[in-house]
Amino acid sequence: MKTFIQICEIWVPNKNRSVLEFLGGLYGPHKQFRLASEQMCFGFNEGLPGKAWAARHPIILKDLQHSYFKRAAAAQAASLSSAVALPIFAGDYLTAVLVLFCGDDAEHVGAIELWHNDPAKSPDMGLVEGYYGIAENFEYVSRRTQFRRGFGLPGLAWQSGMPEILGDLWNSERFLRKDDARKAGLSKGLGIPIFGEPEQNYVMTFLSAMGTPIARRFEIWIPQQDREALIFNAGYCDCVADFAQDYAVTQLYPGDSTISRAWVTGIPEICETVIEEGSAIGASTRKAGLESMVALPVLESGRLKAVVALYF
């Protein structure tokens, strides 16, 4: 199964916080693109990672060939068409930028969207930018749609301030574009609130199709009440429908898994061999045939609200 996201990579500030340096990534068969990335660094407002650092909110770049993107030749060789950069801030302090790349083949169906509300201008949340693969009709509708707080997937994540998963878009009354999603073949969604730019509300949404899912599994982990460990909150898996049972009594303590390390550091964590994890995560992913994972911490004012795990 080919996922909508082809490559994940992490960029972090160097010691004097003058540039972003390469920390790691998931590249699958795209080894040459990794080689091009490992040698690079980005200043403030330079390249895609640097632009996201300066903007303090995610940036979706739909054209890697005729823009400020600095690895255009390598992206073309890897058949990458677009990318999204998600900066992670602990207050004013940038911890990392996570960059996700999507391919350009003719069967690429899915959506990555950035929604924004400026409370000084409107009570609604509108689309800033989105990448939709070949789902052109769904893109047309989305660009003309706005959401109030609590309505639709962007509005739900905005209202709760937490990641939200909708597993059956076609039949969900909470997903306001369900008829258009059915026509496009989009079946499930993940919404993540983004905290970075003060007094502004942003939500990233990831919408999966059956043939090209954004990722093969989504998981949301949250701190338990005493904040001594993380517990499973919600998820969706294409491979094992009842996988949540694997985590019924699981607690992830600081540093004992890829997910809990993202909690401790405030930096996305990558695991290329997730089946080797010693916790219940390893056993669950072995059963599902999953290979790799990226864990994204969701921070508000430096405090962890959740960790979102995407499996490939």
Protein backbone atom coordinates (compact mmCIF):
# COMPACT_ATOMS: atom_id res chain seq x y z
CA MET A 1 0.00 0.00 0.00
CA LYS A 2 1.44 3.36 -1.03
CA THR A 3 0.87 6.14 1.49
CA PHE A 4 0.02 9.72 0.55
CA ILE A 5 3.03 10.90 2.59
CA GLN A 6 6.22 9.62 0.99
CA ILE A 7 8.95 11.22 3.14
CA CYS A 8 9.18 12.68 6.67
CA GLU A 9 12.16 14.68 7.90
CA ILE A 10 13.04 16.66 11.04
CA TRP A 11 15.00 19.92 11.23
CA VAL A 12 16.20 21.42 14.53
CA PRO A 13 18.02 24.64 15.52
CA ASN A 14 21.78 24.37 15.93
CA LYS A 15 23.48 25.27 19.22
CA ASN A 16 23.46 29.03 18.66
CA ARG A 17 20.01 28.89 17.00
CA SER A 18 21.26 30.56 13.83
CA VAL A 19 20.24 27.80 11.38
CA LEU A 20 18.16 24.64 11.17
CA GLU A 21 20.13 21.41 10.84
CA PHE A 22 19.06 17.97 9.64
CA LEU A 23 18.19 15.61 12.50
CA GLY A 24 16.71 12.57 10.74
CA GLY A 25 13.97 11.27 8.51
CA LEU A 26 11.98 8.46 6.93
CA TYR A 27 12.73 8.15 3.23
CA GLY A 28 11.69 4.68 2.13
CA PRO A 29 13.23 4.04 -1.28
CA HIS A 30 14.22 7.70 -1.77
CA LYS A 31 17.83 7.33 -0.62
CA GLN A 32 19.20 9.97 -2.98
CA PHE A 33 16.81 12.58 -1.59
CA ARG A 34 18.08 11.78 1.90
CA LEU A 35 21.66 12.33 0.75
CA ALA A 36 20.68 15.73 -0.65
CA SER A 37 18.96 16.68 2.61
CA GLU A 38 21.68 15.55 5.03
CA GLN A 39 24.14 18.10 3.67
CA MET A 40 21.85 21.12 4.01
CA CYS A 41 20.95 23.71 6.62
CA PHE A 42 18.43 26.55 6.54
CA GLY A 43 18.55 30.03 8.01
CA PHE A 44 15.59 31.95 9.39
CA ASN A 45 13.06 32.47 6.54
CA GLU A 46 15.24 30.40 4.15
CA GLY A 47 13.92 27.39 2.26
CA LEU A 48 10.78 25.58 3.34
CA PRO A 49 11.88 24.76 6.93
CA GLY A 50 13.16 28.31 7.44
CA LYS A 51 9.96 29.85 6.04
CA ALA A 52 7.87 27.85 8.53
CA TRP A 53 10.20 28.94 11.36
CA ALA A 54 9.67 32.59 10.42
CA ALA A 55 5.92 32.29 9.86
CA ARG A 56 5.30 30.43 13.15
CA HIS A 57 2.63 28.34 11.42
CA PRO A 58 2.61 25.46 8.90
CA ILE A 59 3.32 26.14 5.25
CA ILE A 60 2.05 23.99 2.39
CA LEU A 61 4.19 24.30 -0.73
CA LYS A 62 2.48 22.86 -3.80
CA ASP A 63 5.27 23.64 -6.29
CA LEU A 64 8.73 22.29 -5.49
CA GLN A 65 10.14 23.15 -8.92
CA HIS A 66 9.42 26.86 -9.41
CA SER A 67 9.65 28.30 -5.92
CA TYR A 68 12.05 28.96 -3.05
CA PHE A 69 12.43 25.20 -2.49
CA LYS A 70 16.17 24.45 -2.55
CA ARG A 71 16.18 20.74 -3.44
CA ALA A 72 14.13 20.95 -6.63
CA ALA A 73 16.28 18.60 -8.72
CA ALA A 74 16.33 15.93 -6.00
CA ALA A 75 12.56 16.29 -5.52
CA GLN A 76 11.93 15.88 -9.24
CA ALA A 77 14.11 12.77 -9.34
CA ALA A 78 12.09 11.30 -6.44
CA SER A 79 8.73 12.26 -8.07
CA LEU A 80 7.81 14.52 -5.16
CA SER A 81 5.29 17.21 -5.99
CA SER A 82 4.51 19.04 -2.74
CA ALA A 83 5.47 19.41 0.90
CA VAL A 84 4.19 20.73 4.21
CA ALA A 85 6.39 22.14 6.97
CA LEU A 86 5.04 22.09 10.55
CA PRO A 87 6.98 24.22 13.05
CA ILE A 88 6.76 23.23 16.72
CA PHE A 89 7.06 25.99 19.29
CA ALA A 90 7.37 25.84 23.06
CA GLY A 91 6.23 29.39 23.68
CA ASP A 92 8.62 31.57 21.66
CA TYR A 93 11.17 28.76 21.43
CA LEU A 94 11.26 26.72 18.23
CA THR A 95 11.98 23.08 19.02
CA ALA A 96 11.84 21.64 15.48
CA VAL A 97 10.27 21.72 12.03
CA LEU A 98 8.68 18.53 10.68
CA VAL A 99 8.54 18.39 6.86
CA LEU A 100 6.25 15.91 5.05
CA PHE A 101 6.54 15.26 1.30
CA CYS A 102 3.87 13.91 -1.06
CA GLY A 103 4.24 12.19 -4.43
CA ASP A 104 2.79 13.11 -7.82
CA ASP A 105 1.54 9.88 -9.40
CA ALA A 106 -1.80 9.73 -11.20
CA GLU A 107 -3.47 7.66 -8.44
CA HIS A 108 -2.55 10.02 -5.61
CA VAL A 109 -5.79 10.80 -3.74
CA GLY A 110 -5.84 12.48 -0.36
CA ALA A 111 -5.69 15.91 1.22
CA ILE A 112 -3.46 17.94 3.51
CA GLU A 113 -5.05 21.23 4.51
CA LEU A 114 -4.15 24.28 6.60
CA TRP A 115 -7.07 26.19 8.15
CA HIS A 116 -6.84 29.57 9.88
CA ASN A 117 -8.97 31.87 11.98
CA ASP A 118 -8.04 35.44 12.89
CA PRO A 119 -10.49 36.30 15.69
CA ALA A 120 -10.04 40.02 15.04
CA LYS A 121 -11.43 39.60 11.52
CA SER A 122 -13.92 36.72 11.52
CA PRO A 123 -15.63 34.09 13.68
CA ASP A 124 -14.95 31.51 10.95
CA MET A 125 -12.00 29.35 9.97
CA GLY A 126 -11.07 29.34 6.29
CA LEU A 127 -8.62 27.47 4.09
CA VAL A 128 -5.12 28.95 3.78
CA GLU A 129 -3.81 26.27 1.42
CA GLY A 130 -4.29 22.61 0.65
CA TYR A 131 -2.80 19.81 -1.41
CA TYR A 132 -5.35 17.33 -2.78
CA GLY A 133 -3.57 15.11 -5.30
CA ILE A 134 -6.08 14.40 -8.06
CA ALA A 135 -9.16 15.21 -5.91
CA GLU A 136 -9.87 18.41 -7.82
CA ASN A 137 -13.60 18.63 -7.12
CA PHE A 138 -13.04 18.20 -3.39
CA GLU A 139 -10.42 20.95 -3.56
CA TYR A 140 -12.92 23.25 -5.29
CA VAL A 141 -15.48 22.72 -2.52
CA SER A 142 -12.91 23.09 0.27
CA ARG A 143 -11.67 26.44 -0.99
CA ARG A 144 -15.23 27.76 -0.72
CA THR A 145 -15.97 26.33 2.74
CA GLN A 146 -15.61 27.95 6.16
CA PHE A 147 -16.11 26.49 9.61
CA ARG A 148 -17.37 27.82 12.91
CA ARG A 149 -15.78 26.62 16.13
CA GLY A 150 -16.99 23.07 16.84
CA PHE A 151 -18.19 22.33 13.30
CA GLY A 152 -16.46 20.07 10.80
CA LEU A 153 -13.07 18.49 11.44
CA PRO A 154 -11.18 21.83 11.53
CA GLY A 155 -13.79 23.30 13.88
CA LEU A 156 -13.69 20.28 16.19
CA ALA A 157 -9.91 20.49 16.63
CA TRP A 158 -10.18 24.27 17.04
CA GLN A 159 -12.80 23.95 19.76
CA SER A 160 -11.14 21.15 21.73
CA GLY A 161 -7.57 22.34 21.27
CA MET A 162 -6.73 18.66 20.82
CA PRO A 163 -6.04 16.33 17.89
CA GLU A 164 -9.26 14.80 16.54
CA ILE A 165 -9.83 11.67 14.42
CA LEU A 166 -12.91 10.97 12.31
CA GLY A 167 -12.87 7.39 11.07
CA ASP A 168 -15.85 7.26 8.71
CA LEU A 169 -16.12 10.52 6.81
CA TRP A 170 -18.83 9.27 4.46
CA ASN A 171 -21.34 8.68 7.24
CA SER A 172 -20.21 11.20 9.84
CA GLU A 173 -22.58 14.06 10.59
CA ARG A 174 -19.59 15.81 12.14
CA PHE A 175 -17.78 15.97 8.78
CA LEU A 176 -19.58 18.69 6.85
CA ARG A 177 -18.06 17.78 3.46
CA LYS A 178 -19.04 14.11 3.68
CA ASP A 179 -20.85 13.93 0.31
CA ASP A 180 -17.88 15.47 -1.47
CA ALA A 181 -15.51 13.19 0.47
CA ARG A 182 -17.48 10.15 -0.71
CA LYS A 183 -17.17 11.24 -4.33
CA ALA A 184 -13.43 11.80 -3.92
CA GLY A 185 -12.90 8.49 -2.07
CA LEU A 186 -11.71 10.15 1.16
CA SER A 187 -12.57 7.92 4.09
CA LYS A 188 -10.97 9.17 7.33
CA GLY A 189 -9.49 12.34 8.75
CA LEU A 190 -7.07 13.65 11.34
CA GLY A 191 -7.16 17.24 12.62
CA ILE A 192 -4.29 18.75 14.62
CA PRO A 193 -4.41 22.20 16.28
CA ILE A 194 -1.23 24.22 15.77
CA PHE A 195 -0.01 26.57 18.50
CA GLY A 196 2.69 28.99 17.42
CA GLU A 197 1.49 32.37 16.24
CA PRO A 198 -0.04 34.29 19.19
CA GLU A 199 -3.73 35.22 19.00
CA GLN A 200 -4.19 33.15 15.83
CA ASN A 201 -5.93 29.79 15.42
CA TYR A 202 -4.56 27.17 13.02
CA VAL A 203 -5.57 23.57 12.33
CA MET A 204 -3.88 21.05 10.03
CA THR A 205 -6.17 18.37 8.57
CA PHE A 206 -5.06 15.13 6.93
CA LEU A 207 -7.68 13.27 4.89
CA SER A 208 -7.01 9.70 3.76
CA ALA A 209 -8.27 7.67 0.84
CA MET A 210 -8.44 3.88 0.95
CA GLY A 211 -5.90 3.32 -1.80
CA THR A 212 -3.43 6.01 -0.74
CA PRO A 213 -3.90 6.65 3.01
CA ILE A 214 -2.06 9.58 4.58
CA ALA A 215 -0.52 6.97 6.87
CA ARG A 216 -1.50 3.37 7.59
CA ARG A 217 -2.31 4.11 11.23
CA PHE A 218 -3.02 7.24 13.31
CA GLU A 219 -2.72 7.27 17.11
CA ILE A 220 -3.28 9.99 19.70
CA TRP A 221 -1.61 9.65 23.10
CA ILE A 222 -2.29 12.06 25.98
CA PRO A 223 -0.83 12.60 29.46
CA GLN A 224 -2.73 10.84 32.21
CA GLN A 225 -4.09 13.05 34.98
CA ASP A 226 -0.92 13.03 37.10
CA ARG A 227 1.19 13.57 33.92
CA GLU A 228 3.52 10.72 34.89
CA ALA A 229 2.80 8.68 31.75
CA LEU A 230 1.02 8.79 28.41
CA ILE A 231 -2.12 6.77 27.72
CA PHE A 232 -3.85 5.88 24.47
CA ASN A 233 -6.70 8.24 23.58
CA ALA A 234 -7.86 7.46 20.02
CA GLY A 235 -6.69 5.98 16.75
CA TYR A 236 -7.50 4.46 13.39
CA CYS A 237 -5.72 1.65 11.58
CA ASP A 238 -6.13 0.33 8.03
CA CYS A 239 -4.57 -3.01 8.97
CA VAL A 240 -6.18 -4.07 12.30
CA ALA A 241 -9.58 -2.56 13.11
CA ASP A 242 -9.61 -3.40 16.84
CA PHE A 243 -5.98 -2.49 17.55
CA ALA A 244 -7.01 -0.14 20.42
CA GLN A 245 -7.42 -3.27 22.58
CA ASP A 246 -3.64 -3.70 22.40
CA TYR A 247 -3.26 -0.53 24.47
CA ALA A 248 -6.04 -1.03 27.01
CA VAL A 249 -3.68 -1.01 30.00
CA THR A 250 -0.59 0.54 28.35
CA GLN A 251 1.25 3.44 29.97
CA LEU A 252 4.21 5.04 28.23
CA TYR A 253 6.70 6.52 30.69
CA PRO A 254 9.23 9.25 29.82
CA GLY A 255 11.91 8.01 27.47
CA ASP A 256 10.82 4.36 27.18
CA SER A 257 9.41 4.59 23.64
CA THR A 258 9.57 6.73 20.52
CA ILE A 259 6.25 8.33 21.46
CA SER A 260 7.23 9.19 25.02
CA ARG A 261 10.59 10.58 23.88
CA ALA A 262 8.68 13.08 21.73
CA TRP A 263 6.81 14.04 24.91
CA VAL A 264 10.02 14.59 26.88
CA THR A 265 11.98 16.48 24.21
CA GLY A 266 9.20 18.41 22.48
CA ILE A 267 10.83 17.32 19.21
CA PRO A 268 9.32 14.89 16.68
CA GLU A 269 10.80 11.42 16.94
CA ILE A 270 11.28 8.89 14.15
CA CYS A 271 11.53 5.10 14.41
CA GLU A 272 12.49 3.18 11.27
CA THR A 273 11.96 -0.26 12.88
CA VAL A 274 8.90 0.22 15.05
CA ILE A 275 8.32 -3.53 15.41
CA GLU A 276 11.44 -3.62 17.60
CA GLU A 277 9.89 -1.31 20.21
CA GLY A 278 9.86 -3.11 23.55
CA SER A 279 6.51 -1.73 24.70
CA ALA A 280 3.01 -2.77 23.63
CA ILE A 281 3.61 -0.62 20.55
CA GLY A 282 6.09 -3.14 19.16
CA ALA A 283 3.71 -6.06 19.65
CA SER A 284 0.79 -4.17 18.10
CA THR A 285 2.75 -3.05 15.05
CA ARG A 286 4.15 -6.52 14.44
CA LYS A 287 0.60 -7.84 14.31
CA ALA A 288 -0.40 -5.08 11.86
CA GLY A 289 2.69 -5.35 9.65
CA LEU A 290 3.71 -1.73 10.19
CA GLU A 291 7.34 -0.75 9.67
CA SER A 292 8.06 2.84 10.68
CA MET A 293 6.60 5.73 12.63
CA VAL A 294 6.91 9.46 13.27
CA ALA A 295 5.70 10.87 16.60
CA LEU A 296 4.62 14.54 16.60
CA PRO A 297 4.28 16.38 19.94
CA VAL A 298 1.42 18.91 20.15
CA LEU A 299 2.49 21.73 22.49
CA GLU A 300 0.64 24.77 23.78
CA SER A 301 2.77 27.36 25.62
CA GLY A 302 5.44 24.70 26.11
CA ARG A 303 3.08 22.17 27.72
CA LEU A 304 2.33 18.87 26.04
CA LYS A 305 -1.30 18.34 25.05
CA ALA A 306 -0.85 15.15 23.02
CA VAL A 307 1.48 13.11 20.86
CA VAL A 308 0.24 12.14 17.41
CA ALA A 309 1.85 9.03 15.91
CA LEU A 310 1.72 8.30 12.17
CA TYR A 311 2.69 4.80 11.05
CA PHE A 312 3.85 3.72 7.58
